[in-house]
Amino acid sequence: MITSSPAVRRTSVVGRSTPLDCGPPVGTNLFSAGHSRAGFEHQVALQKDLADTCRATNASVLPHVTTRNTARDMDVIRSALGERRISYSGYSYGTYLGAVYSQVFPGRTDRMVLDDAIDPRKFGPRLLREAVGENEQALADRAP
């Protein structure tokens, strides 16, 4: 899991897991580069710095930190507990993780609640592309 810099420390951990701390200077949200070349260059530099820092501090584990591997870890826990199936509640990224788990391990879930589920085929930087019109309208309604 990525956490933010010490000045804005928000650790995201699951249970007693050790967080993957890449020390980003900002939160983990996706930010637009804006409309200018300078904004684009700023985002390129920011993302490069984040990737370099993460690689420098976590190179040995970084290739293994994937959603599919997290789903596999969940299944190891299920098995260690001696359960045939798991019940799961997820929100935000947890909805995506739950959906991936159910795809990788069909038949191993019992009850599953995914609050605001994300389509696994659309997860990524362009996730909100289809909501641009609705977001623009909501902004216009609140800030005329």
Protein backbone atom coordinates (compact mmCIF):
# COMPACT_ATOMS: atom_id res chain seq x y z
CA MET A 1 0.00 0.00 0.00
CA ILE A 2 1.22 3.50 -0.73
CA THR A 3 1.27 6.07 2.02
CA SER A 4 1.79 9.79 1.85
CA SER A 5 4.81 11.80 3.00
CA PRO A 6 5.48 12.37 6.72
CA ALA A 7 3.95 15.85 6.48
CA VAL A 8 0.66 14.35 5.32
CA ARG A 9 1.00 10.81 6.68
CA ARG A 10 -2.04 8.64 5.97
CA THR A 11 -1.09 5.02 6.25
CA SER A 12 -3.24 2.54 4.40
CA VAL A 13 -2.79 -0.89 5.88
CA VAL A 14 -4.90 -3.97 5.96
CA GLY A 15 -4.84 -5.52 9.41
CA ARG A 16 -1.26 -5.94 10.53
CA SER A 17 0.26 -5.82 7.05
CA THR A 18 3.44 -3.84 6.55
CA PRO A 19 2.60 -0.88 4.31
CA LEU A 20 4.49 -0.25 1.12
CA ASP A 21 5.72 3.27 1.83
CA CYS A 22 6.95 5.06 -1.26
CA GLY A 23 6.75 8.44 0.47
CA PRO A 24 4.82 10.37 -2.20
CA PRO A 25 4.82 14.12 -1.57
CA VAL A 26 1.05 14.22 -2.15
CA GLY A 27 -1.94 11.96 -1.50
CA THR A 28 -2.53 8.89 -3.63
CA ASN A 29 -5.27 10.43 -5.80
CA LEU A 30 -4.83 10.85 -9.53
CA PHE A 31 -4.24 14.46 -10.49
CA SER A 32 -4.67 16.08 -13.88
CA ALA A 33 -1.68 17.63 -15.54
CA GLY A 34 -3.90 20.49 -16.63
CA HIS A 35 -3.84 22.08 -20.06
CA SER A 36 -0.29 23.42 -20.21
CA ARG A 37 3.01 21.84 -21.11
CA ALA A 38 4.37 23.03 -17.75
CA GLY A 39 1.61 21.14 -15.91
CA PHE A 40 2.40 18.03 -17.91
CA GLU A 41 6.14 18.34 -17.18
CA HIS A 42 5.37 18.84 -13.48
CA GLN A 43 3.32 15.62 -13.40
CA VAL A 44 6.01 13.69 -15.28
CA ALA A 45 8.63 14.84 -12.75
CA LEU A 46 6.35 14.07 -9.80
CA GLN A 47 5.53 10.56 -11.05
CA LYS A 48 9.16 9.83 -11.92
CA ASP A 49 10.25 10.90 -8.45
CA LEU A 50 7.59 8.70 -6.88
CA ALA A 51 8.61 5.70 -9.00
CA ASP A 52 12.32 6.24 -8.28
CA THR A 53 11.71 6.59 -4.53
CA CYS A 54 9.49 3.52 -4.46
CA ARG A 55 12.03 1.49 -6.42
CA ALA A 56 14.87 2.64 -4.13
CA THR A 57 13.06 1.66 -0.93
CA ASN A 58 10.99 -1.34 -2.05
CA ALA A 59 12.68 -2.85 -5.12
CA SER A 60 12.59 -6.42 -3.82
CA VAL A 61 8.82 -6.50 -3.24
CA LEU A 62 7.54 -4.05 -5.85
CA PRO A 63 7.10 -6.60 -8.67
CA HIS A 64 4.90 -8.68 -6.36
CA VAL A 65 2.54 -5.91 -5.22
CA THR A 66 -0.38 -6.50 -7.55
CA THR A 67 -4.10 -6.85 -7.08
CA ARG A 68 -4.02 -10.45 -8.33
CA ASN A 69 -1.30 -11.31 -5.82
CA THR A 70 -3.31 -9.66 -3.04
CA ALA A 71 -6.28 -11.80 -4.08
CA ARG A 72 -4.00 -14.85 -3.90
CA ASP A 73 -2.93 -13.78 -0.38
CA MET A 74 -6.60 -13.53 0.58
CA ASP A 75 -7.11 -17.08 -0.63
CA VAL A 76 -4.14 -18.33 1.41
CA ILE A 77 -5.77 -16.77 4.48
CA ARG A 78 -9.08 -18.43 3.60
CA SER A 79 -7.35 -21.77 3.31
CA ALA A 80 -5.33 -21.31 6.54
CA LEU A 81 -8.59 -20.66 8.38
CA GLY A 82 -9.97 -23.92 7.00
CA GLU A 83 -12.85 -22.16 5.25
CA ARG A 84 -14.29 -23.39 1.94
CA ARG A 85 -15.55 -19.92 1.06
CA ILE A 86 -15.12 -16.38 2.38
CA SER A 87 -17.51 -13.52 2.98
CA TYR A 88 -16.15 -10.15 1.97
CA SER A 89 -17.05 -6.50 2.30
CA GLY A 90 -15.18 -3.95 0.21
CA TYR A 91 -15.35 -0.28 -0.63
CA SER A 92 -13.21 2.00 -2.80
CA TYR A 93 -10.21 -0.07 -3.99
CA GLY A 94 -11.63 -2.96 -1.95
CA THR A 95 -14.47 -3.29 -4.46
CA TYR A 96 -11.96 -3.86 -7.23
CA LEU A 97 -10.01 -6.33 -5.07
CA GLY A 98 -13.20 -8.24 -4.25
CA ALA A 99 -14.19 -8.40 -7.90
CA VAL A 100 -10.74 -9.66 -8.89
CA TYR A 101 -10.79 -12.25 -6.08
CA SER A 102 -14.14 -13.58 -7.25
CA GLN A 103 -12.81 -13.83 -10.81
CA VAL A 104 -9.54 -15.52 -9.87
CA PHE A 105 -11.23 -17.86 -7.39
CA PRO A 106 -14.79 -18.43 -8.61
CA GLY A 107 -16.86 -20.45 -6.18
CA ARG A 108 -14.76 -19.49 -3.15
CA THR A 109 -16.93 -16.58 -2.03
CA ASP A 110 -20.00 -16.82 0.15
CA ARG A 111 -21.47 -13.37 0.78
CA MET A 112 -19.90 -10.37 -0.89
CA VAL A 113 -20.76 -6.69 -0.49
CA LEU A 114 -19.04 -4.31 -2.90
CA ASP A 115 -19.95 -0.69 -2.15
CA ASP A 116 -19.66 1.36 -5.37
CA ALA A 117 -18.09 -1.49 -7.30
CA ILE A 118 -15.51 -0.70 -9.96
CA ASP A 119 -15.56 -2.64 -13.22
CA PRO A 120 -12.22 -4.55 -13.22
CA ARG A 121 -11.93 -4.08 -16.99
CA LYS A 122 -11.97 -0.30 -16.58
CA PHE A 123 -9.78 0.14 -13.49
CA GLY A 124 -6.82 2.42 -14.12
CA PRO A 125 -5.90 6.04 -14.82
CA ARG A 126 -8.84 6.52 -17.22
CA LEU A 127 -11.38 5.14 -14.74
CA LEU A 128 -13.48 8.29 -14.51
CA ARG A 129 -13.37 9.13 -18.23
CA GLU A 130 -17.01 8.13 -18.72
CA ALA A 131 -18.13 10.32 -15.79
CA VAL A 132 -16.75 13.59 -17.15
CA GLY A 133 -20.14 14.93 -18.24
CA GLU A 134 -21.81 14.03 -14.94
CA ASN A 135 -18.93 15.51 -12.92
CA GLU A 136 -18.99 18.74 -14.92
CA GLN A 137 -22.75 19.03 -14.42
CA ALA A 138 -22.45 18.36 -10.66
CA LEU A 139 -19.79 21.07 -10.40
CA ALA A 140 -21.90 23.52 -12.38
CA ASP A 141 -24.90 22.78 -10.12
CA ARG A 142 -22.88 23.49 -6.97
CA ALA A 143 -20.67 26.35 -8.11
CA PRO A 144 -22.64 28.50 -10.57
